């Protein structure tokens, strides 16, 4: 295929998908955004807003939207920005609409709850002939769509395709760094969501900045242990898609996963917290898969396991915290 990418299709009309569509317009690409809800697509086309997901933001007047997935056949590359738990179904639907070897960039973060698989594995099974890439790192949709400086990692095993994608959607304020490690980039983005729930619990319980710092640091140790067991390049995990994303997601209530954790720490039930959130918190679905994967590889992930136990209703927040504090002293490394 040509290494020139002039048109971008974004699949997913939520906050992240809309922000990515807008930044691709800023980079000078023709952009077509698919939204499942026809009313969202109509609003983008007629009013140049997506009030449900990005309130107060005016979008580029030349950003086109559709609710017809078949129109993805018109674009040079696809950004897949649907929730992780729907990626398999959406990718399967794309099979009849995009040509073989079309670049498809995974932009969601999580593990498939039913199988425990990374999004890269899911895409390899559903669109085996595409040119797979992964976009991940510390970026909030509201920052990106406002043109605030952001840096992310774009992973693609084919360097030529990867660099073409970087050139197509990267711009002055949206800096992209290429790597070949698609597995590592997908892994870091998935695990941090679970740890962000734990960070939110610490914040919601008022345990202090020192406890927060300890939680994030020990959470990163869990990320590295499990990543090493899965064959992830450790250098990837200390980059933007690992440590960088972890710091952002665990450090700001803009993070849906941290906000969910704060609600739990403040005493709300999971159903109450999810209802108040009004959006998807991938860590809720990823926690079980993380713990199953860790058990299968004989890796200790006590923080992730505590989050999973809270989500499952097997431990209260206080019991989970007490369990972590009661763990025996050990070497840091």
Protein backbone atom coordinates (compact mmCIF):
# COMPACT_ATOMS: atom_id res chain seq x y z
CA UNK A 1 0.00 0.00 0.00
CA UNK A 2 0.95 3.65 -0.34
CA UNK A 3 2.73 5.06 2.68
CA UNK A 4 0.74 8.30 2.28
CA UNK A 5 -2.34 8.52 4.48
CA UNK A 6 -4.65 11.36 3.48
CA UNK A 7 -7.94 10.25 4.99
CA UNK A 8 -8.69 8.88 8.46
CA UNK A 9 -11.73 7.00 9.67
CA UNK A 10 -12.44 7.06 13.40
CA UNK A 11 -14.71 4.33 14.74
CA UNK A 12 -16.26 5.49 18.00
CA UNK A 13 -18.23 8.64 18.72
CA UNK A 14 -17.37 8.99 22.40
CA UNK A 15 -15.02 11.57 23.94
CA UNK A 16 -11.77 9.87 22.89
CA UNK A 17 -12.89 9.03 19.37
CA UNK A 18 -14.18 12.56 18.81
CA UNK A 19 -10.97 14.07 20.19
CA UNK A 20 -8.87 11.88 17.89
CA UNK A 21 -11.03 12.86 14.92
CA UNK A 22 -10.54 16.53 15.77
CA UNK A 23 -6.75 16.20 16.14
CA UNK A 24 -6.58 14.38 12.79
CA UNK A 25 -8.35 17.38 11.27
CA UNK A 26 -5.80 19.65 12.96
CA UNK A 27 -3.11 17.55 11.27
CA UNK A 28 -4.70 18.27 7.89
CA UNK A 29 -6.37 14.95 7.18
CA UNK A 30 -9.83 14.32 5.77
CA UNK A 31 -11.72 12.68 8.62
CA UNK A 32 -14.86 10.57 8.82
CA UNK A 33 -16.12 9.74 12.33
CA UNK A 34 -18.47 6.79 12.90
CA UNK A 35 -20.88 6.96 15.83
CA UNK A 36 -23.23 4.12 16.71
CA UNK A 37 -25.91 6.65 17.68
CA UNK A 38 -27.21 8.45 14.59
CA UNK A 39 -28.18 11.45 16.71
CA UNK A 40 -24.53 11.95 17.70
CA UNK A 41 -23.45 11.84 14.04
CA UNK A 42 -26.20 14.27 13.08
CA UNK A 43 -25.20 16.68 15.84
CA UNK A 44 -21.56 16.65 14.72
CA UNK A 45 -22.56 17.30 11.11
CA UNK A 46 -25.13 20.01 11.78
CA UNK A 47 -24.01 21.73 14.98
CA UNK A 48 -20.30 20.77 15.05
CA UNK A 49 -20.59 19.66 18.67
CA UNK A 50 -20.76 16.41 20.63
CA UNK A 51 -22.38 17.75 23.76
CA UNK A 52 -22.95 14.38 25.42
CA UNK A 53 -19.24 13.50 25.44
CA UNK A 54 -17.33 16.77 24.96
CA UNK A 55 -19.54 19.53 26.34
CA UNK A 56 -18.50 23.09 25.55
CA UNK A 57 -16.28 22.08 22.60
CA UNK A 58 -16.82 23.34 19.05
CA UNK A 59 -15.54 20.90 16.44
CA UNK A 60 -14.02 21.58 13.04
CA UNK A 61 -16.80 22.35 10.56
CA UNK A 62 -15.19 19.98 8.03
CA UNK A 63 -15.27 16.99 10.40
CA UNK A 64 -17.81 14.59 8.85
CA UNK A 65 -19.71 11.99 10.86
CA UNK A 66 -21.81 8.96 9.95
CA UNK A 67 -23.66 6.08 11.58
CA UNK A 68 -23.01 3.82 8.57
CA UNK A 69 -19.97 1.64 9.30
CA UNK A 70 -19.72 0.67 5.62
CA UNK A 71 -18.38 4.15 4.87
CA UNK A 72 -15.07 3.16 6.48
CA UNK A 73 -14.31 1.72 3.03
CA UNK A 74 -13.65 5.32 1.93
CA UNK A 75 -10.63 5.99 4.19
CA UNK A 76 -6.91 5.17 4.09
CA UNK A 77 -6.59 4.21 7.78
CA UNK A 78 -8.94 3.46 10.67
CA UNK A 79 -8.64 4.49 14.33
CA UNK A 80 -10.61 2.02 16.45
CA UNK A 81 -11.78 4.03 19.50
CA UNK A 82 -14.67 1.94 20.79
CA UNK A 83 -14.73 0.55 24.37
CA UNK A 84 -12.47 -2.46 24.80
CA UNK A 85 -15.33 -4.84 25.54
CA UNK A 86 -17.00 -4.05 22.20
CA UNK A 87 -13.85 -4.12 20.07
CA UNK A 88 -14.28 -7.72 18.90
CA UNK A 89 -17.82 -7.15 17.64
CA UNK A 90 -17.01 -3.85 15.94
CA UNK A 91 -13.82 -5.18 14.35
CA UNK A 92 -15.73 -8.19 13.07
CA UNK A 93 -18.28 -5.83 11.51
CA UNK A 94 -15.45 -3.99 9.76
CA UNK A 95 -14.22 -7.09 7.95
CA UNK A 96 -16.59 -6.61 5.04
CA UNK A 97 -15.95 -2.88 4.74
CA UNK A 98 -12.19 -2.30 4.71
CA UNK A 99 -9.59 -3.61 2.31
CA UNK A 100 -6.84 -6.05 3.36
CA UNK A 101 -3.69 -4.33 4.65
CA UNK A 102 -5.62 -1.24 5.74
CA UNK A 103 -3.87 0.24 8.82
CA UNK A 104 -6.13 -0.19 11.86
CA UNK A 105 -5.03 1.58 15.05
CA UNK A 106 -6.28 0.28 18.40
CA UNK A 107 -7.11 3.30 20.57
CA UNK A 108 -8.96 1.60 23.44
CA UNK A 109 -7.31 0.35 26.62
CA UNK A 110 -8.26 -2.85 28.36
CA UNK A 111 -8.32 -6.62 28.35
CA UNK A 112 -11.26 -8.55 26.96
CA UNK A 113 -13.16 -9.66 30.04
CA UNK A 114 -14.42 -12.98 28.67
CA UNK A 115 -11.03 -14.19 27.38
CA UNK A 116 -8.40 -12.09 29.19
CA UNK A 117 -6.86 -11.23 25.83
CA UNK A 118 -5.12 -7.99 24.93
CA UNK A 119 -6.77 -5.81 22.31
CA UNK A 120 -3.92 -6.71 19.94
CA UNK A 121 -4.87 -10.39 20.19
CA UNK A 122 -8.54 -9.59 19.65
CA UNK A 123 -7.77 -7.56 16.53
CA UNK A 124 -5.41 -10.22 15.18
CA UNK A 125 -8.25 -12.73 15.41
CA UNK A 126 -10.95 -10.51 13.88
CA UNK A 127 -8.98 -8.54 11.26
CA UNK A 128 -5.93 -10.73 10.58
CA UNK A 129 -5.12 -9.03 7.26
CA UNK A 130 -5.01 -5.46 8.56
CA UNK A 131 -1.84 -3.54 9.39
CA UNK A 132 -2.21 -3.38 13.16
CA UNK A 133 -1.06 -0.44 15.27
CA UNK A 134 -1.73 0.72 18.84
CA UNK A 135 -2.06 4.29 20.09
CA UNK A 136 -1.74 4.75 23.85
CA UNK A 137 -0.30 7.02 26.48
CA UNK A 138 -1.14 9.87 28.84
CA UNK A 139 -3.82 11.88 27.08
CA UNK A 140 -7.24 13.08 28.22
CA UNK A 141 -9.79 13.75 25.49
CA UNK A 142 -10.54 17.27 26.76
CA UNK A 143 -6.85 18.20 26.65
CA UNK A 144 -6.35 16.78 23.16
CA UNK A 145 -9.44 18.39 21.63
CA UNK A 146 -8.46 21.79 23.07
CA UNK A 147 -5.04 21.61 21.45
CA UNK A 148 -3.09 21.31 24.72
CA UNK A 149 0.35 19.63 24.47
CA UNK A 150 0.11 15.83 24.62
CA UNK A 151 2.59 13.02 23.89
CA UNK A 152 1.60 9.42 23.19
CA UNK A 153 3.15 6.24 21.82
CA UNK A 154 2.15 4.76 18.48
CA UNK A 155 3.22 1.14 18.12
CA UNK A 156 3.39 -0.68 14.80
CA UNK A 157 5.64 -3.58 13.86
CA UNK A 158 5.89 -2.26 10.31
CA UNK A 159 8.02 0.85 10.76
CA UNK A 160 7.02 2.37 7.42
CA UNK A 161 3.32 2.11 8.28
CA UNK A 162 3.99 3.33 11.79
CA UNK A 163 5.83 6.41 10.59
CA UNK A 164 3.12 7.08 8.02
CA UNK A 165 0.51 7.01 10.79
CA UNK A 166 2.64 9.29 12.98
CA UNK A 167 2.87 11.74 10.08
CA UNK A 168 -0.85 11.50 9.38
CA UNK A 169 -2.23 12.25 12.84
CA UNK A 170 0.69 13.81 14.70
CA UNK A 171 0.96 17.58 14.87
CA UNK A 172 2.70 20.29 16.87
CA UNK A 173 0.75 19.77 20.09
CA UNK A 174 -0.02 16.06 19.56
CA UNK A 175 3.41 14.45 19.64
CA UNK A 176 3.69 10.76 18.76
CA UNK A 177 6.64 8.47 19.42
CA UNK A 178 6.93 5.30 17.34
CA UNK A 179 7.82 1.86 18.68
CA UNK A 180 7.50 -1.67 17.32
CA UNK A 181 6.25 -3.11 20.65
CA UNK A 182 2.50 -3.37 20.03
CA UNK A 183 2.04 -5.90 22.86
CA UNK A 184 3.81 -3.76 25.44
CA UNK A 185 1.89 -0.61 24.52
CA UNK A 186 -1.46 -2.43 24.66
CA UNK A 187 -0.53 -4.07 27.98
CA UNK A 188 0.46 -0.86 29.76
CA UNK A 189 -2.72 0.90 28.77
CA UNK A 190 -4.85 -1.98 30.06
CA UNK A 191 -3.23 -2.55 33.46
CA UNK A 192 -3.13 1.09 34.49
CA UNK A 193 -6.94 1.29 34.51
CA UNK A 194 -7.15 -1.22 37.36
CA UNK A 195 -4.44 0.57 39.33
CA UNK A 196 -6.22 3.89 38.80
CA UNK A 197 -9.28 2.51 40.59
CA UNK A 198 -7.03 1.69 43.55
CA UNK A 199 -5.55 5.19 43.46
CA UNK A 200 -9.05 6.63 43.50
CA UNK A 201 -9.96 4.52 46.53
CA UNK A 202 -6.93 5.92 48.36
CA UNK A 203 -8.00 9.44 47.47
CA UNK A 204 -11.66 8.87 48.31
CA UNK A 205 -10.76 7.37 51.69
CA UNK A 206 -8.56 10.38 52.46
CA UNK A 207 -5.44 8.29 53.09
CA UNK A 208 -3.08 11.09 52.04
CA UNK A 209 -0.49 11.92 49.40
CA UNK A 210 2.12 9.58 50.86
CA UNK A 211 -0.21 6.60 50.55
CA UNK A 212 -1.06 7.67 47.00
CA UNK A 213 2.61 7.78 46.01
CA UNK A 214 3.22 4.37 47.56
CA UNK A 215 0.18 2.91 45.79
CA UNK A 216 1.25 4.17 42.36
CA UNK A 217 4.84 2.99 42.84
CA UNK A 218 3.89 -0.47 44.05
CA UNK A 219 1.25 -0.65 41.33
CA UNK A 220 3.91 0.02 38.73
CA UNK A 221 5.93 -2.83 40.27
CA UNK A 222 2.94 -5.11 39.66
CA UNK A 223 2.72 -3.87 36.08
CA UNK A 224 6.39 -4.67 35.49
CA UNK A 225 6.22 -8.11 37.13
CA UNK A 226 3.23 -9.23 35.08
CA UNK A 227 4.56 -7.59 31.93
CA UNK A 228 7.87 -9.41 32.30
CA UNK A 229 6.02 -12.72 32.71
CA UNK A 230 4.10 -12.00 29.50
CA UNK A 231 7.25 -11.14 27.56
CA UNK A 232 6.71 -7.38 27.39
CA UNK A 233 9.80 -5.25 26.78
CA UNK A 234 10.45 -3.53 30.16
CA UNK A 235 11.66 -0.40 28.36
CA UNK A 236 8.16 0.05 26.95
CA UNK A 237 6.66 0.06 30.43
CA UNK A 238 8.83 2.97 31.58
CA UNK A 239 7.70 5.00 28.58
CA UNK A 240 4.60 7.04 27.81
CA UNK A 241 2.26 4.07 27.35
CA UNK A 242 3.24 2.51 30.68
CA UNK A 243 4.53 4.74 33.45
CA UNK A 244 3.40 7.93 31.72
CA UNK A 245 -0.20 6.78 31.40
CA UNK A 246 -0.17 5.35 34.92
CA UNK A 247 0.90 8.69 36.40
CA UNK A 248 -1.80 10.59 34.54
CA UNK A 249 -4.61 8.14 35.19
CA UNK A 250 -3.80 7.74 38.88
CA UNK A 251 -3.27 11.45 39.42
CA UNK A 252 -6.34 13.22 38.09
CA UNK A 253 -10.10 12.95 38.71
CA UNK A 254 -10.52 13.49 34.95
CA UNK A 255 -9.70 9.77 34.79
CA UNK A 256 -12.92 7.77 34.76
CA UNK A 257 -11.23 4.87 36.54
CA UNK A 258 -9.80 7.06 39.29
CA UNK A 259 -13.14 8.82 39.67
CA UNK A 260 -14.86 5.45 40.06
CA UNK A 261 -12.32 4.51 42.74
CA UNK A 262 -12.97 7.77 44.58
CA UNK A 263 -16.70 7.01 44.66
CA UNK A 264 -15.95 3.55 46.07
CA UNK A 265 -13.57 5.04 48.63
CA UNK A 266 -16.28 7.49 49.69
CA UNK A 267 -18.62 4.61 50.48
CA UNK A 268 -20.73 4.21 47.35
CA UNK A 269 -21.55 0.77 46.06
CA UNK A 270 -20.21 -0.28 42.67
CA UNK A 271 -23.62 0.15 41.03
CA UNK A 272 -23.99 3.61 42.57
CA UNK A 273 -20.47 4.57 41.44
CA UNK A 274 -21.08 3.36 37.88
CA UNK A 275 -24.39 5.20 37.73
CA UNK A 276 -22.76 8.43 38.90
CA UNK A 277 -19.89 8.03 36.44
CA UNK A 278 -22.13 8.14 33.32
CA UNK A 279 -19.36 6.53 31.19
CA UNK A 280 -17.28 3.38 30.83
CA UNK A 281 -14.51 2.61 33.35
CA UNK A 282 -12.52 -0.13 31.63
CA UNK A 283 -10.73 -1.12 34.85
CA UNK A 284 -13.94 -2.69 36.16
CA UNK A 285 -13.91 -5.20 33.32
CA UNK A 286 -10.14 -5.58 33.11
CA UNK A 287 -9.53 -6.40 36.78
CA UNK A 288 -10.72 -10.00 36.54
CA UNK A 289 -8.62 -10.63 33.44
CA UNK A 290 -5.52 -9.14 35.08
CA UNK A 291 -5.88 -11.35 38.15
CA UNK A 292 -6.52 -14.48 36.06
CA UNK A 293 -3.46 -13.76 33.94
CA UNK A 294 -1.32 -13.15 37.03
CA UNK A 295 -2.50 -16.40 38.62
CA UNK A 296 -1.74 -18.31 35.42
CA UNK A 297 1.84 -16.96 35.42
CA UNK A 298 2.33 -17.23 39.21
CA UNK A 299 2.80 -13.47 39.59
CA UNK A 300 1.77 -11.54 42.70
CA UNK A 301 -0.50 -8.56 42.01
CA UNK A 302 -1.95 -7.72 45.43
CA UNK A 303 -3.25 -4.26 44.49
CA UNK A 304 -5.01 -5.48 41.36
CA UNK A 305 -6.36 -8.46 43.32
CA UNK A 306 -7.75 -6.12 45.99
CA UNK A 307 -9.50 -4.03 43.33
CA UNK A 308 -10.99 -7.18 41.81
CA UNK A 309 -12.22 -8.36 45.23
CA UNK A 310 -13.92 -5.00 45.85
CA UNK A 311 -15.57 -5.06 42.42
CA UNK A 312 -16.76 -8.62 42.99
CA UNK A 313 -18.14 -7.71 46.43
CA UNK A 314 -15.91 -10.21 48.20
CA UNK A 315 -14.14 -7.51 50.22
CA UNK A 316 -15.19 -4.15 51.55
CA UNK A 317 -12.92 -1.19 50.82
CA UNK A 318 -11.71 -1.16 54.44
CA UNK A 319 -11.02 -4.90 54.43
CA UNK A 320 -9.08 -4.61 51.18
CA UNK A 321 -6.96 -1.77 52.56
CA UNK A 322 -6.32 -3.68 55.78
CA UNK A 323 -5.29 -6.73 53.78
CA UNK A 324 -2.70 -4.73 51.85
CA UNK A 325 -1.34 -3.10 55.02
CA UNK A 326 -1.07 -6.48 56.74
CA UNK A 327 1.13 -7.99 54.06
CA UNK A 328 4.55 -9.10 55.35
CA UNK A 329 7.58 -6.86 54.89
CA UNK A 330 9.74 -7.82 51.93
CA UNK A 331 12.55 -6.64 49.71
CA UNK A 332 11.49 -3.79 47.40
CA UNK A 333 13.00 -5.53 44.37
